[in-house]
Amino acid sequence: NYKSHLQDQPEHEHPELFLKPVSCLIPDGARVVL
């Protein structure tokens, strides 16, 4: 959704959306586990 991230790829004519599960959410200060 930013040209700078797309680089040389064409812009999408409409928003390209995907789903993330609610279970992935963590608050400020919580650890991201790799």
PDB file of all heavy atoms in Angstrom:
ATOM      1  N   ASN A   1       0.809  -1.224   0.000  1.00  0.00           N
ATOM      2  CA  ASN A   1       0.000   0.000   0.000  1.00  0.00           C
ATOM      3  C   ASN A   1       0.842   1.274   0.000  1.00  0.00           C
ATOM      4  O   ASN A   1       0.300   2.359   0.172  1.00  0.00           O
ATOM      5  CB  ASN A   1      -0.959   0.004   1.185  1.00  0.00           C
ATOM      6  CG  ASN A   1      -2.114   0.955   1.001  1.00  0.00           C
ATOM      7  OD1 ASN A   1      -2.594   1.158  -0.118  1.00  0.00           O
ATOM      8  ND2 ASN A   1      -2.566   1.564   2.078  1.00  0.00           N
ATOM      9  N   TYR A   2       2.146   1.147  -0.180  1.00  0.00           N
ATOM     10  CA  TYR A   2       3.038   2.304  -0.369  1.00  0.00           C
ATOM     11  C   TYR A   2       3.912   2.028  -1.593  1.00  0.00           C
ATOM     12  O   TYR A   2       4.448   0.918  -1.742  1.00  0.00           O
ATOM     13  CB  TYR A   2       3.950   2.524   0.833  1.00  0.00           C
ATOM     14  CG  TYR A   2       3.290   3.078   2.071  1.00  0.00           C
ATOM     15  CD1 TYR A   2       2.608   2.242   2.958  1.00  0.00           C
ATOM     16  CD2 TYR A   2       3.364   4.442   2.372  1.00  0.00           C
ATOM     17  CE1 TYR A   2       2.015   2.747   4.110  1.00  0.00           C
ATOM     18  CE2 TYR A   2       2.775   4.956   3.518  1.00  0.00           C
ATOM     19  CZ  TYR A   2       2.105   4.098   4.385  1.00  0.00           C
ATOM     20  OH  TYR A   2       1.520   4.607   5.522  1.00  0.00           O
ATOM     21  N   LYS A   3       4.082   3.025  -2.464  1.00  0.00           N
ATOM     22  CA  LYS A   3       4.935   2.851  -3.629  1.00  0.00           C
ATOM     23  C   LYS A   3       6.354   2.472  -3.221  1.00  0.00           C
ATOM     24  O   LYS A   3       7.014   1.680  -3.899  1.00  0.00           O
ATOM     25  CB  LYS A   3       4.973   4.142  -4.452  1.00  0.00           C
ATOM     26  CG  LYS A   3       3.661   4.500  -5.140  1.00  0.00           C
ATOM     27  CD  LYS A   3       3.800   5.785  -5.938  1.00  0.00           C
ATOM     28  CE  LYS A   3       2.497   6.191  -6.580  1.00  0.00           C
ATOM     29  NZ  LYS A   3       2.626   7.463  -7.349  1.00  0.00           N
ATOM     30  N   SER A   4       6.823   3.040  -2.109  1.00  0.00           N
ATOM     31  CA  SER A   4       8.192   2.778  -1.675  1.00  0.00           C
ATOM     32  C   SER A   4       8.395   1.327  -1.260  1.00  0.00           C
ATOM     33  O   SER A   4       9.515   0.820  -1.278  1.00  0.00           O
ATOM     34  CB  SER A   4       8.563   3.701  -0.512  1.00  0.00           C
ATOM     35  OG  SER A   4       7.680   3.501   0.587  1.00  0.00           O
ATOM     36  N   HIS A   5       7.319   0.646  -0.885  1.00  0.00           N
ATOM     37  CA  HIS A   5       7.423  -0.770  -0.528  1.00  0.00           C
ATOM     38  C   HIS A   5       7.241  -1.652  -1.762  1.00  0.00           C
ATOM     39  O   HIS A   5       7.857  -2.715  -1.874  1.00  0.00           O
ATOM     40  CB  HIS A   5       6.366  -1.118   0.528  1.00  0.00           C
ATOM     41  CG  HIS A   5       6.525  -2.489   1.112  1.00  0.00           C
ATOM     42  ND1 HIS A   5       7.610  -2.855   1.884  1.00  0.00           N
ATOM     43  CD2 HIS A   5       5.731  -3.598   1.043  1.00  0.00           C
ATOM     44  CE1 HIS A   5       7.482  -4.114   2.271  1.00  0.00           C
ATOM     45  NE2 HIS A   5       6.353  -4.586   1.761  1.00  0.00           N
ATOM     46  N   LEU A   6       6.420  -1.180  -2.693  1.00  0.00           N
ATOM     47  CA  LEU A   6       6.205  -1.930  -3.929  1.00  0.00           C
ATOM     48  C   LEU A   6       7.436  -1.942  -4.811  1.00  0.00           C
ATOM     49  O   LEU A   6       7.629  -2.862  -5.606  1.00  0.00           O
ATOM     50  CB  LEU A   6       5.034  -1.310  -4.706  1.00  0.00           C
ATOM     51  CG  LEU A   6       3.637  -1.600  -4.181  1.00  0.00           C
ATOM     52  CD1 LEU A   6       2.625  -0.671  -4.836  1.00  0.00           C
ATOM     53  CD2 LEU A   6       3.255  -3.051  -4.422  1.00  0.00           C
ATOM     54  N   GLN A   7       8.264  -0.883  -4.702  1.00  0.00           N
ATOM     55  CA  GLN A   7       9.437  -0.691  -5.558  1.00  0.00           C
ATOM     56  C   GLN A   7       9.013  -0.684  -7.024  1.00  0.00           C
ATOM     57  O   GLN A   7       8.268   0.185  -7.445  1.00  0.00           O
ATOM     58  CB  GLN A   7      10.496  -1.748  -5.255  1.00  0.00           C
ATOM     59  CG  GLN A   7      11.076  -1.625  -3.846  1.00  0.00           C
ATOM     60  CD  GLN A   7      12.199  -2.588  -3.580  1.00  0.00           C
ATOM     61  OE1 GLN A   7      12.054  -3.790  -3.732  1.00  0.00           O
ATOM     62  NE2 GLN A   7      13.323  -2.060  -3.163  1.00  0.00           N
ATOM     63  N   ASP A   8       9.437  -1.671  -7.820  1.00  0.00           N
ATOM     64  CA  ASP A   8       9.138  -1.652  -9.253  1.00  0.00           C
ATOM     65  C   ASP A   8       7.838  -2.375  -9.602  1.00  0.00           C
ATOM     66  O   ASP A   8       7.467  -2.448 -10.779  1.00  0.00           O
ATOM     67  CB  ASP A   8      10.287  -2.301 -10.034  1.00  0.00           C
ATOM     68  CG  ASP A   8      11.581  -1.498  -9.902  1.00  0.00           C
ATOM     69  OD1 ASP A   8      11.491  -0.269  -9.753  1.00  0.00           O
ATOM     70  OD2 ASP A   8      12.663  -2.111  -9.931  1.00  0.00           O
ATOM     71  N   GLN A   9       7.138  -2.895  -8.611  1.00  0.00           N
ATOM     72  CA  GLN A   9       5.880  -3.580  -8.882  1.00  0.00           C
ATOM     73  C   GLN A   9       4.773  -2.559  -9.140  1.00  0.00           C
ATOM     74  O   GLN A   9       4.789  -1.459  -8.592  1.00  0.00           O
ATOM     75  CB  GLN A   9       5.503  -4.469  -7.703  1.00  0.00           C
ATOM     76  CG  GLN A   9       6.529  -5.535  -7.369  1.00  0.00           C
ATOM     77  CD  GLN A   9       6.121  -6.313  -6.140  1.00  0.00           C
ATOM     78  OE1 GLN A   9       4.973  -6.718  -5.986  1.00  0.00           O
ATOM     79  NE2 GLN A   9       7.068  -6.519  -5.241  1.00  0.00           N
ATOM     80  N   PRO A  10       3.804  -2.904  -9.958  1.00  0.00           N
ATOM     81  CA  PRO A  10       2.707  -1.957 -10.241  1.00  0.00           C
ATOM     82  C   PRO A  10       1.807  -1.774  -9.021  1.00  0.00           C
ATOM     83  O   PRO A  10       1.680  -2.668  -8.176  1.00  0.00           O
ATOM     84  CB  PRO A  10       1.943  -2.632 -11.383  1.00  0.00           C
ATOM     85  CG  PRO A  10       2.252  -4.094 -11.237  1.00  0.00           C
ATOM     86  CD  PRO A  10       3.669  -4.156 -10.731  1.00  0.00           C
ATOM     87  N   GLU A  11       1.177  -0.594  -8.929  1.00  0.00           N
ATOM     88  CA  GLU A  11       0.227  -0.351  -7.847  1.00  0.00           C
ATOM     89  C   GLU A  11      -1.016  -1.210  -8.034  1.00  0.00           C
ATOM     90  O   GLU A  11      -1.410  -1.520  -9.150  1.00  0.00           O
ATOM     91  CB  GLU A  11      -0.192   1.128  -7.841  1.00  0.00           C
ATOM     92  CG  GLU A  11       0.914   2.088  -7.498  1.00  0.00           C
ATOM     93  CD  GLU A  11       0.427   3.526  -7.511  1.00  0.00           C
ATOM     94  OE1 GLU A  11      -0.808   3.739  -7.460  1.00  0.00           O
ATOM     95  OE2 GLU A  11       1.272   4.438  -7.571  1.00  0.00           O
ATOM     96  N   HIS A  12      -1.622  -1.590  -6.941  1.00  0.00           N
ATOM     97  CA  HIS A  12      -2.862  -2.356  -6.992  1.00  0.00           C
ATOM     98  C   HIS A  12      -4.034  -1.409  -7.257  1.00  0.00           C
ATOM     99  O   HIS A  12      -4.118  -0.330  -6.668  1.00  0.00           O
ATOM    100  CB  HIS A  12      -3.081  -3.111  -5.683  1.00  0.00           C
ATOM    101  CG  HIS A  12      -1.960  -4.031  -5.310  1.00  0.00           C
ATOM    102  ND1 HIS A  12      -1.544  -5.072  -6.108  1.00  0.00           N
ATOM    103  CD2 HIS A  12      -1.153  -4.064  -4.208  1.00  0.00           C
ATOM    104  CE1 HIS A  12      -0.538  -5.703  -5.531  1.00  0.00           C
ATOM    105  NE2 HIS A  12      -0.278  -5.110  -4.376  1.00  0.00           N
ATOM    106  N   GLU A  13      -4.951  -1.819  -8.104  1.00  0.00           N
ATOM    107  CA  GLU A  13      -6.108  -0.980  -8.427  1.00  0.00           C
ATOM    108  C   GLU A  13      -7.050  -0.827  -7.241  1.00  0.00           C
ATOM    109  O   GLU A  13      -7.780   0.147  -7.135  1.00  0.00           O
ATOM    110  CB  GLU A  13      -6.858  -1.567  -9.624  1.00  0.00           C
ATOM    111  CG  GLU A  13      -6.077  -1.512 -10.927  1.00  0.00           C
ATOM    112  CD  GLU A  13      -6.883  -2.014 -12.089  1.00  0.00           C
ATOM    113  OE1 GLU A  13      -8.083  -2.335 -11.908  1.00  0.00           O
ATOM    114  OE2 GLU A  13      -6.327  -2.097 -13.208  1.00  0.00           O
ATOM    115  N   HIS A  14      -7.044  -1.783  -6.354  1.00  0.00           N
ATOM    116  CA  HIS A  14      -7.864  -1.723  -5.148  1.00  0.00           C
ATOM    117  C   HIS A  14      -7.032  -2.263  -3.990  1.00  0.00           C
ATOM    118  O   HIS A  14      -6.003  -2.921  -4.213  1.00  0.00           O
ATOM    119  CB  HIS A  14      -9.159  -2.530  -5.309  1.00  0.00           C
ATOM    120  CG  HIS A  14      -8.931  -3.970  -5.714  1.00  0.00           C
ATOM    121  ND1 HIS A  14      -8.428  -4.919  -4.850  1.00  0.00           N
ATOM    122  CD2 HIS A  14      -9.129  -4.599  -6.898  1.00  0.00           C
ATOM    123  CE1 HIS A  14      -8.337  -6.077  -5.466  1.00  0.00           C
ATOM    124  NE2 HIS A  14      -8.743  -5.911  -6.714  1.00  0.00           N
ATOM    125  N   PRO A  15      -7.406  -1.997  -2.761  1.00  0.00           N
ATOM    126  CA  PRO A  15      -6.636  -2.512  -1.626  1.00  0.00           C
ATOM    127  C   PRO A  15      -6.525  -4.045  -1.674  1.00  0.00           C
ATOM    128  O   PRO A  15      -7.522  -4.732  -1.907  1.00  0.00           O
ATOM    129  CB  PRO A  15      -7.449  -2.064  -0.410  1.00  0.00           C
ATOM    130  CG  PRO A  15      -8.205  -0.868  -0.888  1.00  0.00           C
ATOM    131  CD  PRO A  15      -8.546  -1.159  -2.319  1.00  0.00           C
ATOM    132  N   GLU A  16      -5.319  -4.552  -1.499  1.00  0.00           N
ATOM    133  CA  GLU A  16      -5.086  -5.991  -1.438  1.00  0.00           C
ATOM    134  C   GLU A  16      -5.012  -6.372   0.037  1.00  0.00           C
ATOM    135  O   GLU A  16      -4.047  -6.044   0.741  1.00  0.00           O
ATOM    136  CB  GLU A  16      -3.793  -6.364  -2.159  1.00  0.00           C
ATOM    137  CG  GLU A  16      -3.861  -6.210  -3.668  1.00  0.00           C
ATOM    138  CD  GLU A  16      -4.746  -7.259  -4.330  1.00  0.00           C
ATOM    139  OE1 GLU A  16      -5.106  -8.248  -3.655  1.00  0.00           O
ATOM    140  OE2 GLU A  16      -5.078  -7.089  -5.512  1.00  0.00           O
ATOM    141  N   LEU A  17      -6.044  -7.055   0.514  1.00  0.00           N
ATOM    142  CA  LEU A  17      -6.178  -7.335   1.937  1.00  0.00           C
ATOM    143  C   LEU A  17      -6.041  -8.823   2.235  1.00  0.00           C
ATOM    144  O   LEU A  17      -6.404  -9.668   1.414  1.00  0.00           O
ATOM    145  CB  LEU A  17      -7.530  -6.836   2.443  1.00  0.00           C
ATOM    146  CG  LEU A  17      -7.802  -5.340   2.270  1.00  0.00           C
ATOM    147  CD1 LEU A  17      -9.249  -5.015   2.617  1.00  0.00           C
ATOM    148  CD2 LEU A  17      -6.858  -4.519   3.137  1.00  0.00           C
ATOM    149  N   PHE A  18      -5.518  -9.118   3.405  1.00  0.00           N
ATOM    150  CA  PHE A  18      -5.461 -10.492   3.891  1.00  0.00           C
ATOM    151  C   PHE A  18      -5.869 -10.486   5.353  1.00  0.00           C
ATOM    152  O   PHE A  18      -5.971  -9.432   5.986  1.00  0.00           O
ATOM    153  CB  PHE A  18      -4.056 -11.091   3.704  1.00  0.00           C
ATOM    154  CG  PHE A  18      -2.952 -10.331   4.398  1.00  0.00           C
ATOM    155  CD1 PHE A  18      -2.560 -10.655   5.687  1.00  0.00           C
ATOM    156  CD2 PHE A  18      -2.295  -9.291   3.746  1.00  0.00           C
ATOM    157  CE1 PHE A  18      -1.536  -9.963   6.329  1.00  0.00           C
ATOM    158  CE2 PHE A  18      -1.270  -8.587   4.379  1.00  0.00           C
ATOM    159  CZ  PHE A  18      -0.892  -8.925   5.676  1.00  0.00           C
ATOM    160  N   LEU A  19      -6.107 -11.662   5.891  1.00  0.00           N
ATOM    161  CA  LEU A  19      -6.552 -11.797   7.279  1.00  0.00           C
ATOM    162  C   LEU A  19      -5.393 -12.192   8.189  1.00  0.00           C
ATOM    163  O   LEU A  19      -4.550 -13.011   7.820  1.00  0.00           O
ATOM    164  CB  LEU A  19      -7.651 -12.853   7.390  1.00  0.00           C
ATOM    165  CG  LEU A  19      -9.017 -12.473   6.832  1.00  0.00           C
ATOM    166  CD1 LEU A  19      -9.885 -13.715   6.668  1.00  0.00           C
ATOM    167  CD2 LEU A  19      -9.714 -11.475   7.757  1.00  0.00           C
ATOM    168  N   LYS A  20      -5.360 -11.576   9.363  1.00  0.00           N
ATOM    169  CA  LYS A  20      -4.481 -12.005  10.437  1.00  0.00           C
ATOM    170  C   LYS A  20      -5.365 -12.544  11.560  1.00  0.00           C
ATOM    171  O   LYS A  20      -6.411 -11.950  11.847  1.00  0.00           O
ATOM    172  CB  LYS A  20      -3.636 -10.833  10.981  1.00  0.00           C
ATOM    173  CG  LYS A  20      -2.543 -10.356  10.036  1.00  0.00           C
ATOM    174  CD  LYS A  20      -1.877  -9.086  10.546  1.00  0.00           C
ATOM    175  CE  LYS A  20      -1.008  -9.283  11.760  1.00  0.00           C
ATOM    176  NZ  LYS A  20       0.289  -9.940  11.459  1.00  0.00           N
ATOM    177  N   PRO A  21      -4.987 -13.638  12.218  1.00  0.00           N
ATOM    178  CA  PRO A  21      -5.826 -14.143  13.318  1.00  0.00           C
ATOM    179  C   PRO A  21      -5.747 -13.236  14.535  1.00  0.00           C
ATOM    180  O   PRO A  21      -4.701 -12.634  14.823  1.00  0.00           O
ATOM    181  CB  PRO A  21      -5.226 -15.523  13.615  1.00  0.00           C
ATOM    182  CG  PRO A  21      -3.808 -15.423  13.162  1.00  0.00           C
ATOM    183  CD  PRO A  21      -3.824 -14.506  11.975  1.00  0.00           C
ATOM    184  N   VAL A  22      -6.848 -13.138  15.254  1.00  0.00           N
ATOM    185  CA  VAL A  22      -6.892 -12.320  16.466  1.00  0.00           C
ATOM    186  C   VAL A  22      -5.862 -12.801  17.485  1.00  0.00           C
ATOM    187  O   VAL A  22      -5.320 -12.015  18.265  1.00  0.00           O
ATOM    188  CB  VAL A  22      -8.315 -12.349  17.056  1.00  0.00           C
ATOM    189  CG1 VAL A  22      -8.364 -11.674  18.411  1.00  0.00           C
ATOM    190  CG2 VAL A  22      -9.292 -11.677  16.098  1.00  0.00           C
ATOM    191  N   SER A  23      -5.552 -14.093  17.455  1.00  0.00           N
ATOM    192  CA  SER A  23      -4.623 -14.672  18.427  1.00  0.00           C
ATOM    193  C   SER A  23      -3.192 -14.166  18.287  1.00  0.00           C
ATOM    194  O   SER A  23      -2.361 -14.371  19.176  1.00  0.00           O
ATOM    195  CB  SER A  23      -4.626 -16.200  18.316  1.00  0.00           C
ATOM    196  OG  SER A  23      -4.330 -16.601  16.985  1.00  0.00           O
ATOM    197  N   CYS A  24      -2.878 -13.465  17.181  1.00  0.00           N
ATOM    198  CA  CYS A  24      -1.512 -12.955  17.008  1.00  0.00           C
ATOM    199  C   CYS A  24      -1.282 -11.639  17.743  1.00  0.00           C
ATOM    200  O   CYS A  24      -0.142 -11.194  17.873  1.00  0.00           O
ATOM    201  CB  CYS A  24      -1.171 -12.794  15.529  1.00  0.00           C
ATOM    202  SG  CYS A  24      -1.857 -11.318  14.734  1.00  0.00           S
ATOM    203  N   LEU A  25      -2.348 -11.005  18.235  1.00  0.00           N
ATOM    204  CA  LEU A  25      -2.230  -9.685  18.849  1.00  0.00           C
ATOM    205  C   LEU A  25      -1.485  -9.734  20.177  1.00  0.00           C
ATOM    206  O   LEU A  25      -1.704 -10.634  20.999  1.00  0.00           O
ATOM    207  CB  LEU A  25      -3.611  -9.076  19.085  1.00  0.00           C
ATOM    208  CG  LEU A  25      -4.392  -8.631  17.852  1.00  0.00           C
ATOM    209  CD1 LEU A  25      -5.786  -8.178  18.255  1.00  0.00           C
ATOM    210  CD2 LEU A  25      -3.661  -7.532  17.094  1.00  0.00           C
ATOM    211  N   ILE A  26      -0.622  -8.751  20.384  1.00  0.00           N
ATOM    212  CA  ILE A  26       0.036  -8.535  21.674  1.00  0.00           C
ATOM    213  C   ILE A  26       0.059  -7.033  21.943  1.00  0.00           C
ATOM    214  O   ILE A  26       0.076  -6.230  21.016  1.00  0.00           O
ATOM    215  CB  ILE A  26       1.469  -9.111  21.735  1.00  0.00           C
ATOM    216  CG1 ILE A  26       2.352  -8.504  20.637  1.00  0.00           C
ATOM    217  CG2 ILE A  26       1.457 -10.625  21.669  1.00  0.00           C
ATOM    218  CD1 ILE A  26       3.827  -8.878  20.758  1.00  0.00           C
ATOM    219  N   PRO A  27       0.062  -6.633  23.222  1.00  0.00           N
ATOM    220  CA  PRO A  27       0.049  -5.202  23.553  1.00  0.00           C
ATOM    221  C   PRO A  27       1.447  -4.598  23.588  1.00  0.00           C
ATOM    222  O   PRO A  27       2.465  -5.301  23.461  1.00  0.00           O
ATOM    223  CB  PRO A  27      -0.580  -5.201  24.943  1.00  0.00           C
ATOM    224  CG  PRO A  27      -0.100  -6.479  25.557  1.00  0.00           C
ATOM    225  CD  PRO A  27      -0.077  -7.476  24.422  1.00  0.00           C
ATOM    226  N   ASP A  28       1.480  -3.313  23.799  1.00  0.00           N
ATOM    227  CA  ASP A  28       2.722  -2.584  24.020  1.00  0.00           C
ATOM    228  C   ASP A  28       3.506  -3.251  25.145  1.00  0.00           C
ATOM    229  O   ASP A  28       2.962  -3.586  26.192  1.00  0.00           O
ATOM    230  CB  ASP A  28       2.387  -1.136  24.406  1.00  0.00           C
ATOM    231  CG  ASP A  28       3.610  -0.314  24.716  1.00  0.00           C
ATOM    232  OD1 ASP A  28       4.421  -0.095  23.805  1.00  0.00           O
ATOM    233  OD2 ASP A  28       3.754   0.112  25.886  1.00  0.00           O
ATOM    234  N   GLY A  29       4.785  -3.472  24.915  1.00  0.00           N
ATOM    235  CA  GLY A  29       5.655  -4.039  25.938  1.00  0.00           C
ATOM    236  C   GLY A  29       5.775  -5.545  25.923  1.00  0.00           C
ATOM    237  O   GLY A  29       6.713  -6.100  26.515  1.00  0.00           O
ATOM    238  N   ALA A  30       4.846  -6.235  25.271  1.00  0.00           N
ATOM    239  CA  ALA A  30       4.902  -7.700  25.219  1.00  0.00           C
ATOM    240  C   ALA A  30       5.972  -8.149  24.225  1.00  0.00           C
ATOM    241  O   ALA A  30       6.345  -7.427  23.301  1.00  0.00           O
ATOM    242  CB  ALA A  30       3.541  -8.265  24.840  1.00  0.00           C
ATOM    243  N   ARG A  31       6.440  -9.368  24.391  1.00  0.00           N
ATOM    244  CA  ARG A  31       7.548  -9.875  23.588  1.00  0.00           C
ATOM    245  C   ARG A  31       7.082 -10.461  22.257  1.00  0.00           C
ATOM    246  O   ARG A  31       6.129 -11.223  22.213  1.00  0.00           O
ATOM    247  CB  ARG A  31       8.310 -10.949  24.368  1.00  0.00           C
ATOM    248  CG  ARG A  31       8.973 -10.434  25.636  1.00  0.00           C
ATOM    249  CD  ARG A  31       9.710 -11.543  26.366  1.00  0.00           C
ATOM    250  NE  ARG A  31       8.805 -12.636  26.726  1.00  0.00           N
ATOM    251  CZ  ARG A  31       9.196 -13.790  27.245  1.00  0.00           C
ATOM    252  NH1 ARG A  31      10.481 -14.024  27.457  1.00  0.00           N
ATOM    253  NH2 ARG A  31       8.312 -14.718  27.561  1.00  0.00           N
ATOM    254  N   VAL A  32       7.778 -10.079  21.187  1.00  0.00           N
ATOM    255  CA  VAL A  32       7.643 -10.735  19.898  1.00  0.00           C
ATOM    256  C   VAL A  32       8.558 -11.954  19.926  1.00  0.00           C
ATOM    257  O   VAL A  32       9.766 -11.819  20.157  1.00  0.00           O
ATOM    258  CB  VAL A  32       8.038  -9.804  18.739  1.00  0.00           C
ATOM    259  CG1 VAL A  32       8.082 -10.569  17.416  1.00  0.00           C
ATOM    260  CG2 VAL A  32       7.080  -8.626  18.642  1.00  0.00           C
ATOM    261  N   VAL A  33       7.987 -13.127  19.725  1.00  0.00           N
ATOM    262  CA  VAL A  33       8.762 -14.368  19.773  1.00  0.00           C
ATOM    263  C   VAL A  33       9.037 -14.838  18.347  1.00  0.00           C
ATOM    264  O   VAL A  33       8.100 -15.086  17.573  1.00  0.00           O
ATOM    265  CB  VAL A  33       8.012 -15.462  20.553  1.00  0.00           C
ATOM    266  CG1 VAL A  33       8.834 -16.749  20.590  1.00  0.00           C
ATOM    267  CG2 VAL A  33       7.693 -14.988  21.969  1.00  0.00           C
ATOM    268  N   LEU A  34      10.326 -14.950  18.003  1.00  0.00           N
ATOM    269  CA  LEU A  34      10.709 -15.416  16.667  1.00  0.00           C
ATOM    270  C   LEU A  34      10.636 -16.937  16.634  1.00  0.00           C
ATOM    271  O   LEU A  34      11.396 -17.612  17.329  1.00  0.00           O
ATOM    272  CB  LEU A  34      12.123 -14.940  16.330  1.00  0.00           C
ATOM    273  CG  LEU A  34      12.373 -13.430  16.417  1.00  0.00           C
ATOM    274  CD1 LEU A  34      13.803 -13.110  15.993  1.00  0.00           C
ATOM    275  CD2 LEU A  34      11.368 -12.653  15.566  1.00  0.00           C
TER     276      LEU A  34
END
